[in-house]
Amino acid sequence: MHEYFYKVIIEPQVEGGYTAYVPKFPGCVSEGETYQETVDNIREALALYLEVLEERHHEIAFDDLHVTEVAVSV
């Protein structure tokens, strides 16, 4: 069993709840009513996504995404 770390984007939705996605793996998306539920759901979705990659003998790519915050004055 391996442990992998990936960046996850979590966005609040206008109608309530949150949506989460993993930029490294397009299509790996989940949602939840609360922030914590969303984190739990995307963790499960990502685990399933990686299991399918393993079953199909695809290489599991490491996360090479860099996230930074920039200040902008307007």
PDB file of N, CA and C in Angstrom:
ATOM      1  N   MET A   1       0.853  -1.176   0.000  1.00  0.00           N
ATOM      2  CA  MET A   1       0.000   0.000   0.000  1.00  0.00           C
ATOM      3  C   MET A   1       0.898   1.237   0.000  1.00  0.00           C
ATOM      4  N   HIS A   2       0.577   2.185  -0.857  1.00  0.00           N
ATOM      5  CA  HIS A   2       1.349   3.421  -0.975  1.00  0.00           C
ATOM      6  C   HIS A   2       0.500   4.596  -0.501  1.00  0.00           C
ATOM      7  N   GLU A   3       1.179   5.630  -0.064  1.00  0.00           N
ATOM      8  CA  GLU A   3       0.490   6.858   0.329  1.00  0.00           C
ATOM      9  C   GLU A   3       0.861   7.953  -0.667  1.00  0.00           C
ATOM     10  N   TYR A   4      -0.129   8.592  -1.229  1.00  0.00           N
ATOM     11  CA  TYR A   4       0.066   9.643  -2.215  1.00  0.00           C
ATOM     12  C   TYR A   4      -0.543  10.943  -1.699  1.00  0.00           C
ATOM     13  N   PHE A   5       0.016  12.052  -2.149  1.00  0.00           N
ATOM     14  CA  PHE A   5      -0.485  13.375  -1.763  1.00  0.00           C
ATOM     15  C   PHE A   5      -0.791  14.173  -3.022  1.00  0.00           C
ATOM     16  N   TYR A   6      -1.997  14.744  -3.092  1.00  0.00           N
ATOM     17  CA  TYR A   6      -2.420  15.534  -4.245  1.00  0.00           C
ATOM     18  C   TYR A   6      -3.091  16.813  -3.782  1.00  0.00           C
ATOM     19  N   LYS A   7      -2.939  17.855  -4.586  1.00  0.00           N
ATOM     20  CA  LYS A   7      -3.641  19.113  -4.316  1.00  0.00           C
ATOM     21  C   LYS A   7      -5.105  18.915  -4.666  1.00  0.00           C
ATOM     22  N   VAL A   8      -5.973  19.482  -3.848  1.00  0.00           N
ATOM     23  CA  VAL A   8      -7.411  19.415  -4.064  1.00  0.00           C
ATOM     24  C   VAL A   8      -7.952  20.844  -3.975  1.00  0.00           C
ATOM     25  N   ILE A   9      -8.787  21.208  -4.915  1.00  0.00           N
ATOM     26  CA  ILE A   9      -9.441  22.512  -4.907  1.00  0.00           C
ATOM     27  C   ILE A   9     -10.864  22.307  -4.390  1.00  0.00           C
ATOM     28  N   ILE A  10     -11.231  23.093  -3.384  1.00  0.00           N
ATOM     29  CA  ILE A  10     -12.582  23.023  -2.830  1.00  0.00           C
ATOM     30  C   ILE A  10     -13.218  24.394  -2.972  1.00  0.00           C
ATOM     31  N   GLU A  11     -14.364  24.419  -3.616  1.00  0.00           N
ATOM     32  CA  GLU A  11     -15.056  25.678  -3.888  1.00  0.00           C
ATOM     33  C   GLU A  11     -16.463  25.654  -3.305  1.00  0.00           C
ATOM     34  N   PRO A  12     -16.847  26.723  -2.597  1.00  0.00           N
ATOM     35  CA  PRO A  12     -18.234  26.804  -2.124  1.00  0.00           C
ATOM     36  C   PRO A  12     -19.148  27.046  -3.320  1.00  0.00           C
ATOM     37  N   GLN A  13     -20.345  26.493  -3.251  1.00  0.00           N
ATOM     38  CA  GLN A  13     -21.316  26.649  -4.321  1.00  0.00           C
ATOM     39  C   GLN A  13     -22.395  27.646  -3.900  1.00  0.00           C
ATOM     40  N   VAL A  14     -22.872  28.433  -4.837  1.00  0.00           N
ATOM     41  CA  VAL A  14     -23.883  29.453  -4.573  1.00  0.00           C
ATOM     42  C   VAL A  14     -25.123  28.838  -3.933  1.00  0.00           C
ATOM     43  N   GLU A  15     -25.522  27.676  -4.412  1.00  0.00           N
ATOM     44  CA  GLU A  15     -26.733  27.027  -3.907  1.00  0.00           C
ATOM     45  C   GLU A  15     -26.506  26.297  -2.580  1.00  0.00           C
ATOM     46  N   GLY A  16     -25.269  26.335  -2.080  1.00  0.00           N
ATOM     47  CA  GLY A  16     -24.920  25.675  -0.830  1.00  0.00           C
ATOM     48  C   GLY A  16     -24.035  24.465  -1.075  1.00  0.00           C
ATOM     49  N   GLY A  17     -23.325  24.080  -0.067  1.00  0.00           N
ATOM     50  CA  GLY A  17     -22.419  22.946  -0.186  1.00  0.00           C
ATOM     51  C   GLY A  17     -21.132  23.333  -0.888  1.00  0.00           C
ATOM     52  N   TYR A  18     -20.340  22.324  -1.200  1.00  0.00           N
ATOM     53  CA  TYR A  18     -19.021  22.524  -1.794  1.00  0.00           C
ATOM     54  C   TYR A  18     -18.792  21.516  -2.905  1.00  0.00           C
ATOM     55  N   THR A  19     -17.941  21.893  -3.840  1.00  0.00           N
ATOM     56  CA  THR A  19     -17.465  20.991  -4.880  1.00  0.00           C
ATOM     57  C   THR A  19     -15.953  20.915  -4.757  1.00  0.00           C
ATOM     58  N   ALA A  20     -15.412  19.709  -4.932  1.00  0.00           N
ATOM     59  CA  ALA A  20     -13.968  19.507  -4.858  1.00  0.00           C
ATOM     60  C   ALA A  20     -13.499  18.775  -6.107  1.00  0.00           C
ATOM     61  N   TYR A  21     -12.279  19.107  -6.538  1.00  0.00           N
ATOM     62  CA  TYR A  21     -11.692  18.399  -7.663  1.00  0.00           C
ATOM     63  C   TYR A  21     -10.186  18.331  -7.508  1.00  0.00           C
ATOM     64  N   VAL A  22      -9.600  17.354  -8.190  1.00  0.00           N
ATOM     65  CA  VAL A  22      -8.154  17.129  -8.163  1.00  0.00           C
ATOM     66  C   VAL A  22      -7.607  17.550  -9.520  1.00  0.00           C
ATOM     67  N   PRO A  23      -6.903  18.687  -9.601  1.00  0.00           N
ATOM     68  CA  PRO A  23      -6.416  19.163 -10.898  1.00  0.00           C
ATOM     69  C   PRO A  23      -5.539  18.155 -11.647  1.00  0.00           C
ATOM     70  N   LYS A  24      -4.805  17.338 -10.930  1.00  0.00           N
ATOM     71  CA  LYS A  24      -3.921  16.358 -11.568  1.00  0.00           C
ATOM     72  C   LYS A  24      -4.710  15.308 -12.335  1.00  0.00           C
ATOM     73  N   PHE A  25      -5.943  15.045 -11.899  1.00  0.00           N
ATOM     74  CA  PHE A  25      -6.756  13.999 -12.506  1.00  0.00           C
ATOM     75  C   PHE A  25      -8.115  14.561 -12.935  1.00  0.00           C
ATOM     76  N   PRO A  26      -8.193  15.103 -14.157  1.00  0.00           N
ATOM     77  CA  PRO A  26      -9.473  15.634 -14.640  1.00  0.00           C
ATOM     78  C   PRO A  26     -10.570  14.576 -14.516  1.00  0.00           C
ATOM     79  N   GLY A  27     -11.704  14.983 -14.031  1.00  0.00           N
ATOM     80  CA  GLY A  27     -12.813  14.059 -13.847  1.00  0.00           C
ATOM     81  C   GLY A  27     -12.911  13.508 -12.443  1.00  0.00           C
ATOM     82  N   CYS A  28     -11.874  13.715 -11.639  1.00  0.00           N
ATOM     83  CA  CYS A  28     -11.921  13.282 -10.238  1.00  0.00           C
ATOM     84  C   CYS A  28     -12.548  14.417  -9.435  1.00  0.00           C
ATOM     85  N   VAL A  29     -13.862  14.331  -9.274  1.00  0.00           N
ATOM     86  CA  VAL A  29     -14.660  15.405  -8.695  1.00  0.00           C
ATOM     87  C   VAL A  29     -15.617  14.809  -7.670  1.00  0.00           C
ATOM     88  N   SER A  30     -15.913  15.576  -6.638  1.00  0.00           N
ATOM     89  CA  SER A  30     -16.912  15.166  -5.666  1.00  0.00           C
ATOM     90  C   SER A  30     -17.542  16.415  -5.063  1.00  0.00           C
ATOM     91  N   GLU A  31     -18.513  16.197  -4.190  1.00  0.00           N
ATOM     92  CA  GLU A  31     -19.179  17.329  -3.545  1.00  0.00           C
ATOM     93  C   GLU A  31     -19.676  16.902  -2.172  1.00  0.00           C
ATOM     94  N   GLY A  32     -20.144  17.869  -1.409  1.00  0.00           N
ATOM     95  CA  GLY A  32     -20.679  17.575  -0.095  1.00  0.00           C
ATOM     96  C   GLY A  32     -21.446  18.765   0.450  1.00  0.00           C
ATOM     97  N   GLU A  33     -22.235  18.513   1.468  1.00  0.00           N
ATOM     98  CA  GLU A  33     -23.011  19.570   2.114  1.00  0.00           C
ATOM     99  C   GLU A  33     -22.115  20.470   2.974  1.00  0.00           C
ATOM    100  N   THR A  34     -21.143  19.860   3.656  1.00  0.00           N
ATOM    101  CA  THR A  34     -20.237  20.615   4.514  1.00  0.00           C
ATOM    102  C   THR A  34     -18.821  20.504   3.959  1.00  0.00           C
ATOM    103  N   TYR A  35     -17.944  21.371   4.457  1.00  0.00           N
ATOM    104  CA  TYR A  35     -16.548  21.333   4.030  1.00  0.00           C
ATOM    105  C   TYR A  35     -15.938  19.970   4.348  1.00  0.00           C
ATOM    106  N   GLN A  36     -16.132  19.490   5.577  1.00  0.00           N
ATOM    107  CA  GLN A  36     -15.530  18.213   5.981  1.00  0.00           C
ATOM    108  C   GLN A  36     -16.096  17.045   5.191  1.00  0.00           C
ATOM    109  N   GLU A  37     -17.396  17.055   4.932  1.00  0.00           N
ATOM    110  CA  GLU A  37     -17.993  16.000   4.115  1.00  0.00           C
ATOM    111  C   GLU A  37     -17.379  16.008   2.715  1.00  0.00           C
ATOM    112  N   THR A  38     -17.131  17.192   2.196  1.00  0.00           N
ATOM    113  CA  THR A  38     -16.526  17.321   0.871  1.00  0.00           C
ATOM    114  C   THR A  38     -15.109  16.769   0.871  1.00  0.00           C
ATOM    115  N   VAL A  39     -14.337  17.070   1.900  1.00  0.00           N
ATOM    116  CA  VAL A  39     -12.975  16.533   2.018  1.00  0.00           C
ATOM    117  C   VAL A  39     -13.022  15.006   2.070  1.00  0.00           C
ATOM    118  N   ASP A  40     -13.907  14.458   2.884  1.00  0.00           N
ATOM    119  CA  ASP A  40     -14.037  13.002   2.992  1.00  0.00           C
ATOM    120  C   ASP A  40     -14.437  12.382   1.654  1.00  0.00           C
ATOM    121  N   ASN A  41     -15.374  13.028   0.962  1.00  0.00           N
ATOM    122  CA  ASN A  41     -15.856  12.502  -0.318  1.00  0.00           C
ATOM    123  C   ASN A  41     -14.791  12.542  -1.397  1.00  0.00           C
ATOM    124  N   ILE A  42     -14.008  13.623  -1.470  1.00  0.00           N
ATOM    125  CA  ILE A  42     -12.977  13.697  -2.508  1.00  0.00           C
ATOM    126  C   ILE A  42     -11.848  12.734  -2.194  1.00  0.00           C
ATOM    127  N   ARG A  43     -11.569  12.495  -0.920  1.00  0.00           N
ATOM    128  CA  ARG A  43     -10.553  11.508  -0.547  1.00  0.00           C
ATOM    129  C   ARG A  43     -10.978  10.115  -1.043  1.00  0.00           C
ATOM    130  N   GLU A  44     -12.250   9.791  -0.845  1.00  0.00           N
ATOM    131  CA  GLU A  44     -12.759   8.506  -1.312  1.00  0.00           C
ATOM    132  C   GLU A  44     -12.734   8.425  -2.841  1.00  0.00           C
ATOM    133  N   ALA A  45     -13.150   9.506  -3.501  1.00  0.00           N
ATOM    134  CA  ALA A  45     -13.147   9.531  -4.968  1.00  0.00           C
ATOM    135  C   ALA A  45     -11.733   9.373  -5.515  1.00  0.00           C
ATOM    136  N   LEU A  46     -10.777  10.027  -4.884  1.00  0.00           N
ATOM    137  CA  LEU A  46      -9.382   9.934  -5.329  1.00  0.00           C
ATOM    138  C   LEU A  46      -8.841   8.526  -5.117  1.00  0.00           C
ATOM    139  N   ALA A  47      -9.160   7.913  -3.987  1.00  0.00           N
ATOM    140  CA  ALA A  47      -8.711   6.544  -3.732  1.00  0.00           C
ATOM    141  C   ALA A  47      -9.257   5.592  -4.801  1.00  0.00           C
ATOM    142  N   LEU A  48     -10.527   5.745  -5.140  1.00  0.00           N
ATOM    143  CA  LEU A  48     -11.131   4.901  -6.175  1.00  0.00           C
ATOM    144  C   LEU A  48     -10.494   5.161  -7.539  1.00  0.00           C
ATOM    145  N   TYR A  49     -10.225   6.418  -7.827  1.00  0.00           N
ATOM    146  CA  TYR A  49      -9.585   6.801  -9.093  1.00  0.00           C
ATOM    147  C   TYR A  49      -8.225   6.119  -9.219  1.00  0.00           C
ATOM    148  N   LEU A  50      -7.432   6.163  -8.129  1.00  0.00           N
ATOM    149  CA  LEU A  50      -6.103   5.553  -8.149  1.00  0.00           C
ATOM    150  C   LEU A  50      -6.185   4.032  -8.235  1.00  0.00           C
ATOM    151  N   GLU A  51      -7.180   3.438  -7.586  1.00  0.00           N
ATOM    152  CA  GLU A  51      -7.365   1.988  -7.671  1.00  0.00           C
ATOM    153  C   GLU A  51      -7.627   1.551  -9.110  1.00  0.00           C
ATOM    154  N   VAL A  52      -8.434   2.325  -9.824  1.00  0.00           N
ATOM    155  CA  VAL A  52      -8.716   1.998 -11.224  1.00  0.00           C
ATOM    156  C   VAL A  52      -7.441   2.119 -12.055  1.00  0.00           C
ATOM    157  N   LEU A  53      -6.650   3.146 -11.810  1.00  0.00           N
ATOM    158  CA  LEU A  53      -5.384   3.268 -12.533  1.00  0.00           C
ATOM    159  C   LEU A  53      -4.503   2.042 -12.302  1.00  0.00           C
ATOM    160  N   GLU A  54      -4.416   1.600 -11.050  1.00  0.00           N
ATOM    161  CA  GLU A  54      -3.615   0.418 -10.732  1.00  0.00           C
ATOM    162  C   GLU A  54      -4.165  -0.826 -11.427  1.00  0.00           C
ATOM    163  N   GLU A  55      -5.483  -1.022 -11.365  1.00  0.00           N
ATOM    164  CA  GLU A  55      -6.099  -2.188 -11.992  1.00  0.00           C
ATOM    165  C   GLU A  55      -5.826  -2.234 -13.491  1.00  0.00           C
ATOM    166  N   ARG A  56      -5.758  -1.074 -14.105  1.00  0.00           N
ATOM    167  CA  ARG A  56      -5.522  -0.993 -15.553  1.00  0.00           C
ATOM    168  C   ARG A  56      -4.027  -0.902 -15.880  1.00  0.00           C
ATOM    169  N   HIS A  57      -3.199  -1.057 -14.855  1.00  0.00           N
ATOM    170  CA  HIS A  57      -1.737  -1.047 -15.002  1.00  0.00           C
ATOM    171  C   HIS A  57      -1.201   0.259 -15.575  1.00  0.00           C
ATOM    172  N   HIS A  58      -1.872   1.363 -15.230  1.00  0.00           N
ATOM    173  CA  HIS A  58      -1.378   2.687 -15.611  1.00  0.00           C
ATOM    174  C   HIS A  58      -0.462   3.208 -14.512  1.00  0.00           C
ATOM    175  N   GLU A  59       0.491   3.985 -14.906  1.00  0.00           N
ATOM    176  CA  GLU A  59       1.392   4.590 -13.930  1.00  0.00           C
ATOM    177  C   GLU A  59       0.630   5.657 -13.135  1.00  0.00           C
ATOM    178  N   ILE A  60       0.836   5.664 -11.834  1.00  0.00           N
ATOM    179  CA  ILE A  60       0.217   6.685 -10.992  1.00  0.00           C
ATOM    180  C   ILE A  60       1.190   7.856 -10.907  1.00  0.00           C
ATOM    181  N   ALA A  61       0.789   8.976 -11.473  1.00  0.00           N
ATOM    182  CA  ALA A  61       1.652  10.164 -11.520  1.00  0.00           C
ATOM    183  C   ALA A  61       1.639  10.872 -10.171  1.00  0.00           C
ATOM    184  N   PHE A  62       2.786  11.387  -9.812  1.00  0.00           N
ATOM    185  CA  PHE A  62       2.879  12.191  -8.605  1.00  0.00           C
ATOM    186  C   PHE A  62       2.400  13.606  -8.906  1.00  0.00           C
ATOM    187  N   ASP A  63       1.953  14.293  -7.895  1.00  0.00           N
ATOM    188  CA  ASP A  63       1.446  15.651  -8.055  1.00  0.00           C
ATOM    189  C   ASP A  63       2.608  16.616  -8.224  1.00  0.00           C
ATOM    190  N   ASP A  64       2.670  17.270  -9.368  1.00  0.00           N
ATOM    191  CA  ASP A  64       3.716  18.251  -9.632  1.00  0.00           C
ATOM    192  C   ASP A  64       3.149  19.665  -9.718  1.00  0.00           C
ATOM    193  N   LEU A  65       1.928  19.834  -9.235  1.00  0.00           N
ATOM    194  CA  LEU A  65       1.256  21.129  -9.252  1.00  0.00           C
ATOM    195  C   LEU A  65       1.827  22.023  -8.159  1.00  0.00           C
ATOM    196  N   HIS A  66       2.140  23.248  -8.509  1.00  0.00           N
ATOM    197  CA  HIS A  66       2.619  24.225  -7.533  1.00  0.00           C
ATOM    198  C   HIS A  66       1.549  25.286  -7.347  1.00  0.00           C
ATOM    199  N   VAL A  67       1.231  25.560  -6.110  1.00  0.00           N
ATOM    200  CA  VAL A  67       0.197  26.537  -5.791  1.00  0.00           C
ATOM    201  C   VAL A  67       0.852  27.692  -5.048  1.00  0.00           C
ATOM    202  N   THR A  68       0.516  28.894  -5.467  1.00  0.00           N
ATOM    203  CA  THR A  68       1.027  30.079  -4.780  1.00  0.00           C
ATOM    204  C   THR A  68      -0.062  31.125  -4.736  1.00  0.00           C
ATOM    205  N   GLU A  69       0.099  32.056  -3.864  1.00  0.00           N
ATOM    206  CA  GLU A  69      -0.839  33.165  -3.744  1.00  0.00           C
ATOM    207  C   GLU A  69      -0.107  34.435  -4.139  1.00  0.00           C
ATOM    208  N   VAL A  70      -0.743  35.249  -4.938  1.00  0.00           N
ATOM    209  CA  VAL A  70      -0.122  36.507  -5.359  1.00  0.00           C
ATOM    210  C   VAL A  70      -1.031  37.666  -4.967  1.00  0.00           C
ATOM    211  N   ALA A  71      -0.415  38.794  -4.659  1.00  0.00           N
ATOM    212  CA  ALA A  71      -1.165  40.007  -4.351  1.00  0.00           C
ATOM    213  C   ALA A  71      -1.226  40.873  -5.597  1.00  0.00           C
ATOM    214  N   VAL A  72      -2.379  41.476  -5.840  1.00  0.00           N
ATOM    215  CA  VAL A  72      -2.578  42.339  -6.996  1.00  0.00           C
ATOM    216  C   VAL A  72      -3.265  43.618  -6.506  1.00  0.00           C
ATOM    217  N   SER A  73      -2.731  44.745  -6.940  1.00  0.00           N
ATOM    218  CA  SER A  73      -3.354  46.033  -6.614  1.00  0.00           C
ATOM    219  C   SER A  73      -4.060  46.555  -7.837  1.00  0.00           C
ATOM    220  N   VAL A  74      -5.300  47.005  -7.652  1.00  0.00           N
ATOM    221  CA  VAL A  74      -6.039  47.594  -8.789  1.00  0.00           C
ATOM    222  C   VAL A  74      -6.622  48.921  -8.371  1.00  0.00           C
TER     223      VAL A  74
END
